[in-house]
Amino acid sequence: MSLPLEGRSAVVTGAGRGLGRAEALELARLGAAVVVNDFGQPGRDGSGAASATPAEEVAAGIRAAGGRAVAHTGDVADHQQARELVELAVAEFGQLDILVNNAGILRDRMVFSMSEDEWDSVIRVHLKGHFNTTHFAAAHWRARSKAADAPVYGRIVNTSSEAFLAGSAGQPNYAAAKGGIVGLTTSTALALAKYGVTANVICPRARTRMTADVFAGFQEPAGDGSEDRLDPLAPEHVAPLVGYLASPAAAHVNGQLLVVHGGMVAVVERPRVAAKFDTKQDAFTYDELDALLTPHYADRPAGETFAAAEVLGLKHE
């Protein structure tokens, strides 16, 4: 029996470590040939010299297991290097079928303390990095579809975060970038559907180099056999969903946001209109808005905002 991704090729960014590594290995296990991208800087804030080692080690591991893989060590936030990444997949494997965007950095700070560089660098790697690869992959699929005069096979899996959904107070740059990625994903999903391409976004929770301190206290209980089980925050809990979204089985899943971690997947519903007010005149006045909106918000719970903090309580039952 053939594997679900046999004959397909994939690009996974930030795949030298953590989530990206687990995702690249899962796609390869499902039969895909993989371009393993990682810029290889050691610091989670994007500091340190770039290194080819992380990407090359993952690619070598896939080949050792009988799969097909090549390494790419470029910076996806650089437009030209993102072009070269997509071109490498086409040159090595004939075409690109799957794009998984995962590369990112953290530079956490409260909004009143954040520097311009801390803001710009995180937006650049996460949001521009997602755009760059998406742009060139989309152009590839559009050209193929036009040449064939028919839809082609294309899958995009982007990476957002619960920091965007819940509103992470100490991560205004990261939360903004991850929110932007959701907007990019839904726009892309609508734009590329006619070419046969789907685009979805996940909010994963996992213990990685970027989150090691965040989840330092979330250890799995020992002494009851649990030490033999997979860490609930292991990236391997996330990778199967990425494999599914990249597969033919997910052909009708498009423009969706899913939260995933620890043996749980939650489908997040789009925002709904909670209330609607109409002026009784040609245009609203201050007094009319005061009479309508002030009572509406008067009894709302303190601290309740558009953020969906309840997602942080989701867990496997």
Foldseek 3Di string as FASTA:
>chain_A
DAFQQALAEEEFAQCLWALNVLQQLLLQVSHYAYEQEALQAPALQPDHHGDQPSQQVSQVVSVVVPGHYDYQNDQLLDLVSLLVSQVVRCVVRVHHQEYEYDDFGADWAAPVPDDPCNLVVRLSRQQSSVVSNLVNNLVRLVVVCVVVVQADHHEYEYEAALCLQAPDRRGPSNNVSSVNVLVVQLVSLVVCVRNQYAGEYEHEAACIPRCVVVCVPVFDDDDPPCVVPDTQRGSNFVNVVSSCRSGPVVSVPHSWYWYTTRNDIDTDDDDDDPDDDDDPDPDDDPVNCCVPVVVVCVPDDPPDDSRDNCVVVDYDD
